[in-house]
C-alpha atoms as a PDB file:
ATOM      1  CA  UNK A   1       1.673 -45.386  44.497  1.00  0.00           C
ATOM      2  CA  UNK A   2       1.640 -47.738  47.083  1.00  0.00           C
ATOM      3  CA  UNK A   3       2.809 -51.871  46.768  1.00  0.00           C
ATOM      4  CA  UNK A   4      -0.612 -52.656  47.341  1.00  0.00           C
ATOM      5  CA  UNK A   5      -1.940 -50.873  44.768  1.00  0.00           C
ATOM      6  CA  UNK A   6       0.484 -51.648  42.000  1.00  0.00           C
ATOM      7  CA  UNK A   7      -0.428 -55.619  43.069  1.00  0.00           C
ATOM      8  CA  UNK A   8      -3.674 -54.858  42.660  1.00  0.00           C
ATOM      9  CA  UNK A   9      -3.501 -53.049  39.141  1.00  0.00           C
ATOM     10  CA  UNK A  10      -1.022 -56.283  38.055  1.00  0.00           C
ATOM     11  CA  UNK A  11      -3.402 -58.872  39.081  1.00  0.00           C
ATOM     12  CA  UNK A  12      -6.640 -57.088  37.316  1.00  0.00           C
ATOM     13  CA  UNK A  13      -4.253 -56.670  34.198  1.00  0.00           C
ATOM     14  CA  UNK A  14      -2.915 -60.001  34.410  1.00  0.00           C
ATOM     15  CA  UNK A  15      -6.771 -61.413  35.056  1.00  0.00           C
ATOM     16  CA  UNK A  16      -7.798 -59.537  31.918  1.00  0.00           C
ATOM     17  CA  UNK A  17      -5.323 -60.634  29.419  1.00  0.00           C
ATOM     18  CA  UNK A  18      -6.146 -64.282  30.566  1.00  0.00           C
ATOM     19  CA  UNK A  19      -9.996 -63.678  29.944  1.00  0.00           C
ATOM     20  CA  UNK A  20      -8.420 -61.904  26.326  1.00  0.00           C
ATOM     21  CA  UNK A  21      -6.537 -65.214  25.592  1.00  0.00           C
ATOM     22  CA  UNK A  22      -9.270 -67.383  26.727  1.00  0.00           C
ATOM     23  CA  UNK A  23     -11.511 -65.932  23.661  1.00  0.00           C
ATOM     24  CA  UNK A  24      -8.805 -66.016  21.182  1.00  0.00           C
ATOM     25  CA  UNK A  25      -8.030 -69.532  21.584  1.00  0.00           C
ATOM     26  CA  UNK A  26     -11.908 -70.302  21.702  1.00  0.00           C
ATOM     27  CA  UNK A  27     -12.475 -70.607  17.808  1.00  0.00           C
ATOM     28  CA  UNK A  28      -9.678 -73.194  17.952  1.00  0.00           C
ATOM     29  CA  UNK A  29     -11.913 -75.560  19.113  1.00  0.00           C
ATOM     30  CA  UNK A  30     -14.708 -75.105  17.654  1.00  0.00           C
ATOM     31  CA  UNK A  31     -14.069 -77.135  14.813  1.00  0.00           C
ATOM     32  CA  UNK A  32     -16.962 -78.497  12.070  1.00  0.00           C
ATOM     33  CA  UNK A  33     -17.121 -82.223  12.684  1.00  0.00           C
ATOM     34  CA  UNK A  34     -16.624 -84.423   9.113  1.00  0.00           C
ATOM     35  CA  UNK A  35     -16.929 -87.551   7.804  1.00  0.00           C
ATOM     36  CA  UNK A  36     -15.198 -89.181   4.953  1.00  0.00           C
ATOM     37  CA  UNK A  37     -14.124 -92.090   3.013  1.00  0.00           C
ATOM     38  CA  UNK A  38     -10.518 -93.260   1.380  1.00  0.00           C
ATOM     39  CA  UNK A  39     -11.950 -93.004  -1.694  1.00  0.00           C
ATOM     40  CA  UNK A  40     -14.747 -92.646  -4.175  1.00  0.00           C
ATOM     41  CA  UNK A  41     -15.962 -95.559  -5.401  1.00  0.00           C
ATOM     42  CA  UNK A  42     -15.578 -99.645  -4.774  1.00  0.00           C
ATOM     43  CA  UNK A  43     -16.011-102.872  -5.807  1.00  0.00           C
ATOM     44  CA  UNK A  44     -16.814-106.177  -3.817  1.00  0.00           C
ATOM     45  CA  UNK A  45     -14.592-107.080  -1.836  1.00  0.00           C
ATOM     46  CA  UNK A  46     -13.097-103.774  -0.821  1.00  0.00           C
ATOM     47  CA  UNK A  47     -12.820-102.662   2.123  1.00  0.00           C
ATOM     48  CA  UNK A  48     -14.157 -98.839   2.618  1.00  0.00           C
ATOM     49  CA  UNK A  49     -12.679 -96.755   5.457  1.00  0.00           C
ATOM     50  CA  UNK A  50     -14.684 -94.182   7.181  1.00  0.00           C
ATOM     51  CA  UNK A  51     -12.982 -91.412   8.949  1.00  0.00           C
ATOM     52  CA  UNK A  52     -13.771 -88.342  10.385  1.00  0.00           C
ATOM     53  CA  UNK A  53     -12.432 -85.425  12.400  1.00  0.00           C
ATOM     54  CA  UNK A  54     -13.923 -82.460  14.719  1.00  0.00           C
ATOM     55  CA  UNK A  55     -15.346 -84.884  17.426  1.00  0.00           C
ATOM     56  CA  UNK A  56     -15.045 -84.474  21.025  1.00  0.00           C
ATOM     57  CA  UNK A  57     -12.568 -86.970  22.875  1.00  0.00           C
ATOM     58  CA  UNK A  58     -14.327 -90.164  24.036  1.00  0.00           C
ATOM     59  CA  UNK A  59     -17.431 -89.208  21.454  1.00  0.00           C
ATOM     60  CA  UNK A  60     -19.244 -92.008  20.264  1.00  0.00           C
ATOM     61  CA  UNK A  61     -20.047 -91.264  16.707  1.00  0.00           C
ATOM     62  CA  UNK A  62     -22.921 -93.054  15.218  1.00  0.00           C
ATOM     63  CA  UNK A  63     -22.163 -93.806  11.286  1.00  0.00           C
ATOM     64  CA  UNK A  64     -25.130 -94.847   9.063  1.00  0.00           C
ATOM     65  CA  UNK A  65     -24.291 -96.165   5.570  1.00  0.00           C
ATOM     66  CA  UNK A  66     -27.471 -95.409   3.634  1.00  0.00           C
ATOM     67  CA  UNK A  67     -27.541 -97.500   0.688  1.00  0.00           C
ATOM     68  CA  UNK A  68     -31.044 -97.434  -1.320  1.00  0.00           C
ATOM     69  CA  UNK A  69     -32.623 -99.402  -1.967  1.00  0.00           C
ATOM     70  CA  UNK A  70     -30.793-101.662   0.453  1.00  0.00           C
ATOM     71  CA  UNK A  71     -31.629 -99.760   3.401  1.00  0.00           C
ATOM     72  CA  UNK A  72     -28.804 -98.892   6.312  1.00  0.00           C
ATOM     73  CA  UNK A  73     -26.003-100.397   7.927  1.00  0.00           C
ATOM     74  CA  UNK A  74     -25.223 -99.045  11.195  1.00  0.00           C
ATOM     75  CA  UNK A  75     -21.544 -98.755  12.752  1.00  0.00           C
ATOM     76  CA  UNK A  76     -20.082 -97.054  15.732  1.00  0.00           C
ATOM     77  CA  UNK A  77     -16.662 -95.725  16.604  1.00  0.00           C
ATOM     78  CA  UNK A  78     -14.955 -93.550  19.462  1.00  0.00           C
ATOM     79  CA  UNK A  79     -12.876 -90.323  18.199  1.00  0.00           C
ATOM     80  CA  UNK A  80      -9.644 -90.340  19.746  1.00  0.00           C
ATOM     81  CA  UNK A  81      -7.602 -87.673  21.786  1.00  0.00           C
ATOM     82  CA  UNK A  82      -7.393 -85.693  19.003  1.00  0.00           C
ATOM     83  CA  UNK A  83     -11.172 -85.636  18.180  1.00  0.00           C
ATOM     84  CA  UNK A  84     -10.391 -88.185  14.464  1.00  0.00           C
ATOM     85  CA  UNK A  85     -12.101 -91.653  14.319  1.00  0.00           C
ATOM     86  CA  UNK A  86     -11.973 -94.451  11.848  1.00  0.00           C
ATOM     87  CA  UNK A  87     -14.481 -97.231  10.959  1.00  0.00           C
ATOM     88  CA  UNK A  88     -14.772-100.357   8.369  1.00  0.00           C
ATOM     89  CA  UNK A  89     -17.025-101.306   6.074  1.00  0.00           C
ATOM     90  CA  UNK A  90     -16.550-104.516   3.725  1.00  0.00           C
ATOM     91  CA  UNK A  91     -18.331-103.742   0.175  1.00  0.00           C
ATOM     92  CA  UNK A  92     -20.645-106.697  -0.626  1.00  0.00           C
ATOM     93  CA  UNK A  93     -21.828-108.022  -4.052  1.00  0.00           C
ATOM     94  CA  UNK A  94     -25.093-107.220  -3.386  1.00  0.00           C
ATOM     95  CA  UNK A  95     -23.843-103.027  -3.215  1.00  0.00           C
ATOM     96  CA  UNK A  96     -22.897-103.361  -7.227  1.00  0.00           C
ATOM     97  CA  UNK A  97     -24.251-100.528  -8.877  1.00  0.00           C
ATOM     98  CA  UNK A  98     -25.576 -98.320  -5.740  1.00  0.00           C
ATOM     99  CA  UNK A  99     -24.539 -95.045  -4.430  1.00  0.00           C
ATOM    100  CA  UNK A 100     -23.712 -94.933  -0.677  1.00  0.00           C
ATOM    101  CA  UNK A 101     -24.361 -91.727   1.540  1.00  0.00           C
ATOM    102  CA  UNK A 102     -22.532 -91.806   4.976  1.00  0.00           C
ATOM    103  CA  UNK A 103     -23.638 -90.003   7.863  1.00  0.00           C
ATOM    104  CA  UNK A 104     -21.806 -89.814  10.981  1.00  0.00           C
ATOM    105  CA  UNK A 105     -23.559 -88.429  14.555  1.00  0.00           C
ATOM    106  CA  UNK A 106     -23.667 -84.269  13.629  1.00  0.00           C
ATOM    107  CA  UNK A 107     -24.320 -83.167  10.239  1.00  0.00           C
ATOM    108  CA  UNK A 108     -21.293 -84.269   8.201  1.00  0.00           C
ATOM    109  CA  UNK A 109     -21.813 -86.498   4.775  1.00  0.00           C
ATOM    110  CA  UNK A 110     -19.882 -88.326   2.320  1.00  0.00           C
ATOM    111  CA  UNK A 111     -21.069 -90.145  -0.776  1.00  0.00           C
ATOM    112  CA  UNK A 112     -19.356 -92.730  -2.631  1.00  0.00           C
ATOM    113  CA  UNK A 113     -20.244 -95.667  -5.251  1.00  0.00           C
ATOM    114  CA  UNK A 114     -19.823 -99.099  -5.720  1.00  0.00           C
ATOM    115  CA  UNK A 115     -19.019-100.346  -9.346  1.00  0.00           C
ATOM    116  CA  UNK A 116     -20.135-102.952 -11.047  1.00  0.00           C
ATOM    117  CA  UNK A 117     -16.191-104.496 -12.085  1.00  0.00           C
ATOM    118  CA  UNK A 118     -14.841-107.133 -10.208  1.00  0.00           C
ATOM    119  CA  UNK A 119     -11.142-107.642  -9.144  1.00  0.00           C
ATOM    120  CA  UNK A 120      -8.863-104.820  -9.000  1.00  0.00           C
END
C-alpha cells in the first residue's frame, strides 16, 4: 500500500471518529430546562429566589408567577454561560394564603405557597 492510500485511510478513520464523537457528546447538551424556588413556603416580606438551569447561554427567560386570584406577575432573567438564571420576587402581604405556580419560558414549573404567619 502506498503512502497516499495510507493517508486517505487515516483521514477517513479520523473523520469517522470525529462523527462518532459528535453523536456521543450531543446528548450532554440536550438538557431539560428547569425552574425552582429556594423554599416551598414564604411569609410576607420574604424574598423568593427563583432559579433555573438547562437554558441556552444568553437566552431570555420569561418567568411568570401565577397567584390566582391576584393574577400574574411577569419577570425576566438572562441565562448565563452555564445555562442558569436567577430572579427574585418580594412576597407581599396580599399574597397570604395563596399558592403560586412559577413557569419559565419553556414547560418547567414549580409551585410554592405563602403561609399566613407574619414574621420569621
